C-alpha atoms as a PDB file:
ATOM      1  CA  UNK A   1     -18.221  73.575-103.975  1.00  0.00           C
ATOM      2  CA  UNK A   2     -18.898  72.310-107.135  1.00  0.00           C
ATOM      3  CA  UNK A   3     -19.799  75.472-108.492  1.00  0.00           C
ATOM      4  CA  UNK A   4     -15.424  76.260-107.653  1.00  0.00           C
ATOM      5  CA  UNK A   5     -14.794  73.015-109.274  1.00  0.00           C
ATOM      6  CA  UNK A   6     -16.705  72.830-112.492  1.00  0.00           C
ATOM      7  CA  UNK A   7     -13.794  71.935-114.581  1.00  0.00           C
ATOM      8  CA  UNK A   8     -13.257  68.721-112.213  1.00  0.00           C
ATOM      9  CA  UNK A   9     -14.578  65.964-111.018  1.00  0.00           C
ATOM     10  CA  UNK A  10     -15.054  66.015-107.075  1.00  0.00           C
ATOM     11  CA  UNK A  11     -14.799  62.420-105.297  1.00  0.00           C
ATOM     12  CA  UNK A  12     -14.564  63.190-101.936  1.00  0.00           C
ATOM     13  CA  UNK A  13     -15.374  66.331 -99.440  1.00  0.00           C
ATOM     14  CA  UNK A  14     -14.047  66.620 -95.927  1.00  0.00           C
ATOM     15  CA  UNK A  15     -14.580  68.968 -93.265  1.00  0.00           C
ATOM     16  CA  UNK A  16     -11.765  70.010 -90.741  1.00  0.00           C
ATOM     17  CA  UNK A  17     -13.056  73.138 -88.632  1.00  0.00           C
ATOM     18  CA  UNK A  18     -13.349  75.805 -90.724  1.00  0.00           C
ATOM     19  CA  UNK A  19     -11.246  74.417 -93.660  1.00  0.00           C
ATOM     20  CA  UNK A  20     -13.051  71.997 -96.761  1.00  0.00           C
ATOM     21  CA  UNK A  21     -10.736  69.280 -97.807  1.00  0.00           C
ATOM     22  CA  UNK A  22     -11.694  68.818-101.654  1.00  0.00           C
ATOM     23  CA  UNK A  23     -10.178  65.521-103.601  1.00  0.00           C
ATOM     24  CA  UNK A  24     -10.558  65.574-106.701  1.00  0.00           C
ATOM     25  CA  UNK A  25      -9.239  62.927-109.688  1.00  0.00           C
ATOM     26  CA  UNK A  26      -6.177  64.986-110.264  1.00  0.00           C
ATOM     27  CA  UNK A  27      -5.860  67.019-106.976  1.00  0.00           C
ATOM     28  CA  UNK A  28      -6.900  67.632-103.564  1.00  0.00           C
ATOM     29  CA  UNK A  29      -7.251  71.046-102.372  1.00  0.00           C
ATOM     30  CA  UNK A  30      -7.557  73.089 -99.040  1.00  0.00           C
ATOM     31  CA  UNK A  31     -10.674  75.746 -99.289  1.00  0.00           C
ATOM     32  CA  UNK A  32     -12.136  78.290 -96.696  1.00  0.00           C
ATOM     33  CA  UNK A  33     -13.865  81.559 -96.759  1.00  0.00           C
ATOM     34  CA  UNK A  34     -11.309  84.536 -97.371  1.00  0.00           C
ATOM     35  CA  UNK A  35     -10.448  86.980 -94.436  1.00  0.00           C
ATOM     36  CA  UNK A  36      -8.490  88.992 -95.727  1.00  0.00           C
ATOM     37  CA  UNK A  37      -9.264  91.114 -99.150  1.00  0.00           C
ATOM     38  CA  UNK A  38      -5.713  91.901 -99.773  1.00  0.00           C
ATOM     39  CA  UNK A  39      -3.902  88.102 -99.243  1.00  0.00           C
ATOM     40  CA  UNK A  40      -2.973  88.011-103.352  1.00  0.00           C
ATOM     41  CA  UNK A  41      -1.274  91.493-103.347  1.00  0.00           C
ATOM     42  CA  UNK A  42       0.137  90.938 -99.829  1.00  0.00           C
ATOM     43  CA  UNK A  43       1.604  87.577-101.518  1.00  0.00           C
ATOM     44  CA  UNK A  44       2.930  89.643-104.169  1.00  0.00           C
ATOM     45  CA  UNK A  45       4.709  91.594-102.088  1.00  0.00           C
ATOM     46  CA  UNK A  46       6.347  88.960-100.668  1.00  0.00           C
ATOM     47  CA  UNK A  47       7.184  87.202-103.791  1.00  0.00           C
ATOM     48  CA  UNK A  48       8.930  90.276-105.155  1.00  0.00           C
ATOM     49  CA  UNK A  49      10.925  90.301-101.611  1.00  0.00           C
ATOM     50  CA  UNK A  50      11.698  86.464-102.374  1.00  0.00           C
ATOM     51  CA  UNK A  51      10.229  85.758 -99.572  1.00  0.00           C
ATOM     52  CA  UNK A  52       8.201  81.884-100.605  1.00  0.00           C
ATOM     53  CA  UNK A  53       7.283  80.320 -97.059  1.00  0.00           C
ATOM     54  CA  UNK A  54       3.440  81.002 -97.622  1.00  0.00           C
ATOM     55  CA  UNK A  55       1.142  79.040-100.103  1.00  0.00           C
ATOM     56  CA  UNK A  56      -0.042  80.086-103.245  1.00  0.00           C
ATOM     57  CA  UNK A  57      -3.811  80.656-103.390  1.00  0.00           C
ATOM     58  CA  UNK A  58      -6.568  81.369-106.302  1.00  0.00           C
ATOM     59  CA  UNK A  59      -9.326  83.347-104.803  1.00  0.00           C
ATOM     60  CA  UNK A  60     -13.027  82.516-106.559  1.00  0.00           C
ATOM     61  CA  UNK A  61     -15.716  84.079-105.209  1.00  0.00           C
ATOM     62  CA  UNK A  62     -15.296  84.955-101.392  1.00  0.00           C
ATOM     63  CA  UNK A  63     -12.739  81.418-101.103  1.00  0.00           C
ATOM     64  CA  UNK A  64      -9.356  81.293-100.787  1.00  0.00           C
ATOM     65  CA  UNK A  65      -8.104  77.496-102.946  1.00  0.00           C
ATOM     66  CA  UNK A  66      -5.048  75.950-102.545  1.00  0.00           C
ATOM     67  CA  UNK A  67      -3.304  72.683-102.888  1.00  0.00           C
ATOM     68  CA  UNK A  68      -3.648  70.288 -99.908  1.00  0.00           C
ATOM     69  CA  UNK A  69      -0.192  69.933 -98.282  1.00  0.00           C
ATOM     70  CA  UNK A  70       0.268  66.768 -96.371  1.00  0.00           C
ATOM     71  CA  UNK A  71       1.719  67.812 -93.033  1.00  0.00           C
ATOM     72  CA  UNK A  72       4.898  65.701 -92.118  1.00  0.00           C
ATOM     73  CA  UNK A  73       4.975  64.954 -88.174  1.00  0.00           C
ATOM     74  CA  UNK A  74       7.020  66.676 -85.997  1.00  0.00           C
ATOM     75  CA  UNK A  75       6.970  68.019 -82.163  1.00  0.00           C
ATOM     76  CA  UNK A  76       6.508  71.363 -81.740  1.00  0.00           C
ATOM     77  CA  UNK A  77       9.622  72.607 -80.584  1.00  0.00           C
ATOM     78  CA  UNK A  78      10.723  71.469 -83.955  1.00  0.00           C
ATOM     79  CA  UNK A  79       7.917  73.186 -85.291  1.00  0.00           C
ATOM     80  CA  UNK A  80       8.476  76.278 -83.239  1.00  0.00           C
ATOM     81  CA  UNK A  81      12.534  76.620 -83.887  1.00  0.00           C
ATOM     82  CA  UNK A  82      11.719  76.495 -87.965  1.00  0.00           C
ATOM     83  CA  UNK A  83       9.267  79.356 -86.656  1.00  0.00           C
ATOM     84  CA  UNK A  84      12.061  81.267 -85.433  1.00  0.00           C
ATOM     85  CA  UNK A  85      14.056  80.923 -88.232  1.00  0.00           C
ATOM     86  CA  UNK A  86      11.117  81.772 -90.646  1.00  0.00           C
ATOM     87  CA  UNK A  87       9.855  85.111 -88.876  1.00  0.00           C
ATOM     88  CA  UNK A  88      13.643  86.419 -88.973  1.00  0.00           C
ATOM     89  CA  UNK A  89      14.057  85.671 -92.277  1.00  0.00           C
ATOM     90  CA  UNK A  90      10.104  87.423 -93.312  1.00  0.00           C
ATOM     91  CA  UNK A  91      11.534  90.252 -90.850  1.00  0.00           C
ATOM     92  CA  UNK A  92      14.719  90.761 -92.557  1.00  0.00           C
ATOM     93  CA  UNK A  93      13.458  90.273 -95.935  1.00  0.00           C
ATOM     94  CA  UNK A  94      10.276  92.870 -95.389  1.00  0.00           C
ATOM     95  CA  UNK A  95      11.998  95.616 -93.729  1.00  0.00           C
ATOM     96  CA  UNK A  96      12.008  99.223 -93.948  1.00  0.00           C
ATOM     97  CA  UNK A  97      11.804 102.819 -92.070  1.00  0.00           C
ATOM     98  CA  UNK A  98       8.813 104.466 -91.530  1.00  0.00           C
ATOM     99  CA  UNK A  99       8.889 108.664 -90.929  1.00  0.00           C
ATOM    100  CA  UNK A 100       6.976 109.357 -88.108  1.00  0.00           C
ATOM    101  CA  UNK A 101       5.792 112.669 -86.068  1.00  0.00           C
ATOM    102  CA  UNK A 102       6.379 112.802 -82.213  1.00  0.00           C
ATOM    103  CA  UNK A 103       2.877 113.492 -82.063  1.00  0.00           C
ATOM    104  CA  UNK A 104       2.322 109.751 -83.117  1.00  0.00           C
ATOM    105  CA  UNK A 105       4.714 108.417 -80.748  1.00  0.00           C
ATOM    106  CA  UNK A 106       3.305 110.340 -77.912  1.00  0.00           C
ATOM    107  CA  UNK A 107      -0.034 109.525 -78.527  1.00  0.00           C
ATOM    108  CA  UNK A 108       1.095 106.014 -78.887  1.00  0.00           C
ATOM    109  CA  UNK A 109       2.833 106.097 -75.571  1.00  0.00           C
ATOM    110  CA  UNK A 110      -0.365 107.840 -73.939  1.00  0.00           C
ATOM    111  CA  UNK A 111      -2.654 105.301 -74.850  1.00  0.00           C
ATOM    112  CA  UNK A 112      -0.437 102.397 -73.454  1.00  0.00           C
ATOM    113  CA  UNK A 113       0.199 104.686 -70.344  1.00  0.00           C
ATOM    114  CA  UNK A 114      -3.438 104.563 -69.881  1.00  0.00           C
ATOM    115  CA  UNK A 115      -4.094 101.318 -70.787  1.00  0.00           C
ATOM    116  CA  UNK A 116      -1.697 100.133 -67.844  1.00  0.00           C
ATOM    117  CA  UNK A 117      -2.991 102.222 -65.305  1.00  0.00           C
ATOM    118  CA  UNK A 118      -6.642 101.229 -65.753  1.00  0.00           C
ATOM    119  CA  UNK A 119      -5.836  97.544 -65.692  1.00  0.00           C
ATOM    120  CA  UNK A 120      -3.723  97.975 -62.670  1.00  0.00           C
ATOM    121  CA  UNK A 121      -6.522  99.769 -61.326  1.00  0.00           C
ATOM    122  CA  UNK A 122      -8.800  96.660 -62.442  1.00  0.00           C
ATOM    123  CA  UNK A 123      -6.664  93.877 -60.553  1.00  0.00           C
ATOM    124  CA  UNK A 124      -6.380  96.311 -57.782  1.00  0.00           C
ATOM    125  CA  UNK A 125     -10.135  96.584 -57.432  1.00  0.00           C
ATOM    126  CA  UNK A 126     -10.565  92.922 -57.935  1.00  0.00           C
ATOM    127  CA  UNK A 127      -8.112  92.202 -54.805  1.00  0.00           C
ATOM    128  CA  UNK A 128      -9.651  94.667 -52.413  1.00  0.00           C
ATOM    129  CA  UNK A 129     -13.252  93.501 -52.922  1.00  0.00           C
ATOM    130  CA  UNK A 130     -12.649  89.836 -52.360  1.00  0.00           C
ATOM    131  CA  UNK A 131      -9.813  89.800 -49.687  1.00  0.00           C
ATOM    132  CA  UNK A 132     -11.463  91.114 -47.355  1.00  0.00           C
ATOM    133  CA  UNK A 133     -14.208  88.096 -47.683  1.00  0.00           C
ATOM    134  CA  UNK A 134     -13.852  84.851 -45.772  1.00  0.00           C
ATOM    135  CA  UNK A 135     -14.776  82.882 -48.542  1.00  0.00           C
ATOM    136  CA  UNK A 136     -13.418  84.428 -51.647  1.00  0.00           C
ATOM    137  CA  UNK A 137     -14.498  82.362 -54.610  1.00  0.00           C
ATOM    138  CA  UNK A 138     -11.374  79.906 -55.996  1.00  0.00           C
ATOM    139  CA  UNK A 139     -11.042  82.445 -59.142  1.00  0.00           C
ATOM    140  CA  UNK A 140     -10.218  85.207 -56.726  1.00  0.00           C
ATOM    141  CA  UNK A 141      -8.449  83.550 -54.201  1.00  0.00           C
ATOM    142  CA  UNK A 142      -5.774  82.728 -56.674  1.00  0.00           C
ATOM    143  CA  UNK A 143      -5.600  86.008 -57.499  1.00  0.00           C
ATOM    144  CA  UNK A 144      -5.022  87.445 -54.059  1.00  0.00           C
ATOM    145  CA  UNK A 145      -2.379  85.206 -53.646  1.00  0.00           C
ATOM    146  CA  UNK A 146      -0.506  86.415 -56.632  1.00  0.00           C
ATOM    147  CA  UNK A 147      -1.427  89.888 -56.590  1.00  0.00           C
ATOM    148  CA  UNK A 148       1.922  90.848 -55.648  1.00  0.00           C
ATOM    149  CA  UNK A 149       3.323  89.263 -59.373  1.00  0.00           C
ATOM    150  CA  UNK A 150       0.429  91.130 -61.406  1.00  0.00           C
ATOM    151  CA  UNK A 151       1.202  94.688 -59.736  1.00  0.00           C
ATOM    152  CA  UNK A 152       5.046  93.914 -60.041  1.00  0.00           C
ATOM    153  CA  UNK A 153       4.400  92.907 -63.981  1.00  0.00           C
ATOM    154  CA  UNK A 154       2.130  95.671 -64.525  1.00  0.00           C
ATOM    155  CA  UNK A 155       4.695  97.964 -63.022  1.00  0.00           C
ATOM    156  CA  UNK A 156       7.717  96.813 -64.739  1.00  0.00           C
ATOM    157  CA  UNK A 157       5.245  97.402 -68.271  1.00  0.00           C
ATOM    158  CA  UNK A 158       5.419 100.904 -67.465  1.00  0.00           C
ATOM    159  CA  UNK A 159       8.677 101.409 -66.412  1.00  0.00           C
ATOM    160  CA  UNK A 160       9.604  99.744 -69.676  1.00  0.00           C
ATOM    161  CA  UNK A 161       7.019 102.001 -71.686  1.00  0.00           C
ATOM    162  CA  UNK A 162       8.587 104.970 -70.364  1.00  0.00           C
ATOM    163  CA  UNK A 163      12.519 103.728 -71.476  1.00  0.00           C
ATOM    164  CA  UNK A 164      11.179 103.162 -74.779  1.00  0.00           C
ATOM    165  CA  UNK A 165       9.662 106.337 -75.213  1.00  0.00           C
ATOM    166  CA  UNK A 166      12.845 108.241 -74.066  1.00  0.00           C
ATOM    167  CA  UNK A 167      14.575 106.241 -76.942  1.00  0.00           C
ATOM    168  CA  UNK A 168      12.105 106.797 -79.770  1.00  0.00           C
ATOM    169  CA  UNK A 169      11.293 110.568 -79.088  1.00  0.00           C
ATOM    170  CA  UNK A 170      14.623 111.671 -80.282  1.00  0.00           C
ATOM    171  CA  UNK A 171      14.646 109.785 -83.653  1.00  0.00           C
ATOM    172  CA  UNK A 172      12.205 110.371 -87.078  1.00  0.00           C
ATOM    173  CA  UNK A 173      11.641 107.151 -88.394  1.00  0.00           C
ATOM    174  CA  UNK A 174      10.749 103.434 -87.134  1.00  0.00           C
ATOM    175  CA  UNK A 175      11.767 100.285 -88.213  1.00  0.00           C
ATOM    176  CA  UNK A 176       8.569  98.297 -89.635  1.00  0.00           C
ATOM    177  CA  UNK A 177       8.176  94.784 -91.485  1.00  0.00           C
ATOM    178  CA  UNK A 178       5.530  92.468 -92.044  1.00  0.00           C
ATOM    179  CA  UNK A 179       4.183  90.992 -89.345  1.00  0.00           C
ATOM    180  CA  UNK A 180       2.022  87.557 -89.849  1.00  0.00           C
ATOM    181  CA  UNK A 181       0.367  88.249 -86.689  1.00  0.00           C
ATOM    182  CA  UNK A 182      -1.332  85.236 -85.783  1.00  0.00           C
ATOM    183  CA  UNK A 183       1.688  82.710 -85.081  1.00  0.00           C
ATOM    184  CA  UNK A 184      -0.108  79.551 -83.452  1.00  0.00           C
ATOM    185  CA  UNK A 185       2.241  76.918 -84.205  1.00  0.00           C
ATOM    186  CA  UNK A 186      -0.727  75.169 -85.725  1.00  0.00           C
ATOM    187  CA  UNK A 187       0.069  78.037 -88.127  1.00  0.00           C
ATOM    188  CA  UNK A 188       2.755  76.495 -89.567  1.00  0.00           C
ATOM    189  CA  UNK A 189       2.431  73.690 -92.432  1.00  0.00           C
ATOM    190  CA  UNK A 190       5.660  71.491 -92.785  1.00  0.00           C
ATOM    191  CA  UNK A 191       5.820  69.428 -95.867  1.00  0.00           C
ATOM    192  CA  UNK A 192       7.988  69.503 -98.974  1.00  0.00           C
ATOM    193  CA  UNK A 193       8.322  73.044 -97.577  1.00  0.00           C
ATOM    194  CA  UNK A 194       7.069  75.102 -94.370  1.00  0.00           C
ATOM    195  CA  UNK A 195       4.571  77.488 -94.874  1.00  0.00           C
ATOM    196  CA  UNK A 196       2.682  79.550 -92.570  1.00  0.00           C
ATOM    197  CA  UNK A 197      -0.754  80.286 -93.608  1.00  0.00           C
ATOM    198  CA  UNK A 198      -3.607  81.926 -91.881  1.00  0.00           C
ATOM    199  CA  UNK A 199      -2.704  85.436 -92.638  1.00  0.00           C
ATOM    200  CA  UNK A 200      -5.944  87.752 -92.450  1.00  0.00           C
ATOM    201  CA  UNK A 201      -4.097  89.294 -88.961  1.00  0.00           C
ATOM    202  CA  UNK A 202      -0.971  90.513 -91.034  1.00  0.00           C
ATOM    203  CA  UNK A 203      -0.010  94.258 -90.375  1.00  0.00           C
ATOM    204  CA  UNK A 204       2.984  96.536 -91.363  1.00  0.00           C
ATOM    205  CA  UNK A 205       4.598  97.660 -88.062  1.00  0.00           C
ATOM    206  CA  UNK A 206       7.277  96.957 -85.544  1.00  0.00           C
ATOM    207  CA  UNK A 207       8.670  93.192 -85.714  1.00  0.00           C
ATOM    208  CA  UNK A 208       7.832  93.179 -81.810  1.00  0.00           C
ATOM    209  CA  UNK A 209       4.061  91.757 -82.850  1.00  0.00           C
ATOM    210  CA  UNK A 210       5.193  89.253 -83.963  1.00  0.00           C
ATOM    211  CA  UNK A 211       7.164  88.096 -81.425  1.00  0.00           C
ATOM    212  CA  UNK A 212       4.396  88.984 -78.746  1.00  0.00           C
ATOM    213  CA  UNK A 213       2.221  86.784 -81.111  1.00  0.00           C
ATOM    214  CA  UNK A 214       4.807  84.080 -80.802  1.00  0.00           C
ATOM    215  CA  UNK A 215       5.098  83.806 -77.091  1.00  0.00           C
ATOM    216  CA  UNK A 216       1.426  84.530 -76.202  1.00  0.00           C
ATOM    217  CA  UNK A 217       0.090  82.237 -78.705  1.00  0.00           C
ATOM    218  CA  UNK A 218       2.657  79.303 -77.673  1.00  0.00           C
ATOM    219  CA  UNK A 219       4.032  80.306 -74.036  1.00  0.00           C
ATOM    220  CA  UNK A 220       2.658  76.837 -72.704  1.00  0.00           C
ATOM    221  CA  UNK A 221       4.904  74.871 -74.826  1.00  0.00           C
ATOM    222  CA  UNK A 222       7.700  77.230 -75.802  1.00  0.00           C
ATOM    223  CA  UNK A 223      11.251  77.781 -74.144  1.00  0.00           C
ATOM    224  CA  UNK A 224      11.442  81.548 -75.151  1.00  0.00           C
ATOM    225  CA  UNK A 225      14.505  82.324 -74.117  1.00  0.00           C
ATOM    226  CA  UNK A 226      16.113  79.286 -77.143  1.00  0.00           C
ATOM    227  CA  UNK A 227      13.540  80.688 -79.681  1.00  0.00           C
ATOM    228  CA  UNK A 228      14.108  83.962 -78.947  1.00  0.00           C
ATOM    229  CA  UNK A 229      18.401  83.464 -79.496  1.00  0.00           C
ATOM    230  CA  UNK A 230      17.323  81.625 -82.575  1.00  0.00           C
ATOM    231  CA  UNK A 231      15.114  84.323 -83.962  1.00  0.00           C
ATOM    232  CA  UNK A 232      17.725  87.053 -82.658  1.00  0.00           C
ATOM    233  CA  UNK A 233      21.020  85.053 -84.632  1.00  0.00           C
ATOM    234  CA  UNK A 234      19.479  85.923 -87.580  1.00  0.00           C
ATOM    235  CA  UNK A 235      17.729  89.432 -86.888  1.00  0.00           C
ATOM    236  CA  UNK A 236      18.712  91.970 -84.200  1.00  0.00           C
ATOM    237  CA  UNK A 237      15.757  93.443 -82.234  1.00  0.00           C
ATOM    238  CA  UNK A 238      16.919  97.370 -81.658  1.00  0.00           C
ATOM    239  CA  UNK A 239      17.220  98.310 -77.995  1.00  0.00           C
ATOM    240  CA  UNK A 240      13.399 100.578 -78.437  1.00  0.00           C
ATOM    241  CA  UNK A 241      12.086  97.528 -79.696  1.00  0.00           C
ATOM    242  CA  UNK A 242      13.072  95.224 -76.696  1.00  0.00           C
ATOM    243  CA  UNK A 243      11.785  98.017 -74.521  1.00  0.00           C
ATOM    244  CA  UNK A 244       8.170  98.187 -76.629  1.00  0.00           C
ATOM    245  CA  UNK A 245       8.165  94.274 -76.474  1.00  0.00           C
ATOM    246  CA  UNK A 246       8.751  93.829 -72.688  1.00  0.00           C
ATOM    247  CA  UNK A 247       6.146  96.950 -72.050  1.00  0.00           C
ATOM    248  CA  UNK A 248       3.633  94.792 -74.034  1.00  0.00           C
ATOM    249  CA  UNK A 249       4.632  91.163 -73.256  1.00  0.00           C
ATOM    250  CA  UNK A 250       4.061  92.072 -69.253  1.00  0.00           C
ATOM    251  CA  UNK A 251       0.633  93.976 -70.046  1.00  0.00           C
ATOM    252  CA  UNK A 252      -1.761  91.409 -69.390  1.00  0.00           C
ATOM    253  CA  UNK A 253      -6.071  91.542 -70.387  1.00  0.00           C
ATOM    254  CA  UNK A 254      -8.553  91.645 -68.252  1.00  0.00           C
ATOM    255  CA  UNK A 255     -10.381  88.711 -66.844  1.00  0.00           C
ATOM    256  CA  UNK A 256     -13.541  87.762 -69.199  1.00  0.00           C
ATOM    257  CA  UNK A 257     -16.609  88.315 -67.701  1.00  0.00           C
ATOM    258  CA  UNK A 258     -18.177  84.762 -67.524  1.00  0.00           C
ATOM    259  CA  UNK A 259     -19.849  83.500 -64.525  1.00  0.00           C
ATOM    260  CA  UNK A 260     -18.680  79.950 -64.168  1.00  0.00           C
ATOM    261  CA  UNK A 261     -15.868  80.345 -61.838  1.00  0.00           C
ATOM    262  CA  UNK A 262     -14.373  77.261 -62.679  1.00  0.00           C
ATOM    263  CA  UNK A 263     -13.463  78.892 -66.277  1.00  0.00           C
ATOM    264  CA  UNK A 264     -12.754  81.963 -63.957  1.00  0.00           C
ATOM    265  CA  UNK A 265      -9.913  80.064 -62.155  1.00  0.00           C
ATOM    266  CA  UNK A 266      -8.626  78.710 -65.241  1.00  0.00           C
ATOM    267  CA  UNK A 267      -8.031  81.931 -66.998  1.00  0.00           C
ATOM    268  CA  UNK A 268      -6.366  83.358 -63.670  1.00  0.00           C
ATOM    269  CA  UNK A 269      -3.897  80.634 -63.576  1.00  0.00           C
ATOM    270  CA  UNK A 270      -3.040  80.399 -67.542  1.00  0.00           C
ATOM    271  CA  UNK A 271      -2.195  84.467 -66.510  1.00  0.00           C
ATOM    272  CA  UNK A 272      -0.301  83.475 -63.002  1.00  0.00           C
ATOM    273  CA  UNK A 273       1.817  80.753 -65.581  1.00  0.00           C
ATOM    274  CA  UNK A 274       2.086  83.491 -67.992  1.00  0.00           C
ATOM    275  CA  UNK A 275       3.868  85.910 -66.167  1.00  0.00           C
ATOM    276  CA  UNK A 276       5.367  83.567 -64.361  1.00  0.00           C
ATOM    277  CA  UNK A 277       7.502  82.850 -67.743  1.00  0.00           C
ATOM    278  CA  UNK A 278       7.672  86.351 -69.390  1.00  0.00           C
ATOM    279  CA  UNK A 279       9.582  87.469 -66.075  1.00  0.00           C
ATOM    280  CA  UNK A 280      11.306  84.583 -66.344  1.00  0.00           C
ATOM    281  CA  UNK A 281      12.619  85.328 -69.721  1.00  0.00           C
ATOM    282  CA  UNK A 282      13.294  88.840 -69.596  1.00  0.00           C
ATOM    283  CA  UNK A 283      15.671  88.289 -66.781  1.00  0.00           C
ATOM    284  CA  UNK A 284      18.054  87.354 -69.518  1.00  0.00           C
ATOM    285  CA  UNK A 285      17.719  90.779 -71.641  1.00  0.00           C
ATOM    286  CA  UNK A 286      16.621  93.278 -69.663  1.00  0.00           C
ATOM    287  CA  UNK A 287      18.255  95.857 -67.410  1.00  0.00           C
ATOM    288  CA  UNK A 288      15.470  97.013 -64.804  1.00  0.00           C
END
């Protein structure tokens, strides 16, 4: 660390997870390993688009260095509301249209179709293998009781994917934006301004990937309808984008192959609670 601050006298060093906080005689800094070699290029692009809700950083060797921002206390709902506004602004200021080929769209459609079919077959097999047991593990008992929710959700996912494909295949361009793509509420700092941090998963693609990330990362604490309506008041999703968002929200992952049934039970419960929230959310916007 002395190498990074050779012109300043270090007074205190504090480690918090993967972050190092360095207090010098003149300032306080945050230091962490850089995970995105194009981060300066990304921030220059955002600056050119007049989006300023990111922390200015310096890259020294493999480290990102930024000024320490004292976090203003606020509850999660307040931060999620702020996040929805910032997200809409990010998308509005970085929107552009990209030409695509029908083969590209068909490939995406087929990949998602295969993923839905494979996931449904996986959960059907889990059900078939365990429903015949007199005493299935608690995780599998929970899955058996809720298998209808899982399978119906996957069927809806395929239905929305088909509708997306019918709309998009007749177009020749797709709307893209900068997606932060890692929208945990903890990745929003609120201080003198509001800042999105941890941009290392950022991508240029449809705006739905940020909405998906926002919901999946925060579904336990988020009012999906309220937050989405705040976002939509500033940036409207297109019809085909809504269908693709619904497709991806309803497509859950397989269970992790963990030996502990206690952990598996927590994972199954989490997936059931998530799907219940997603289905409730989609009732406000989708026509099945």
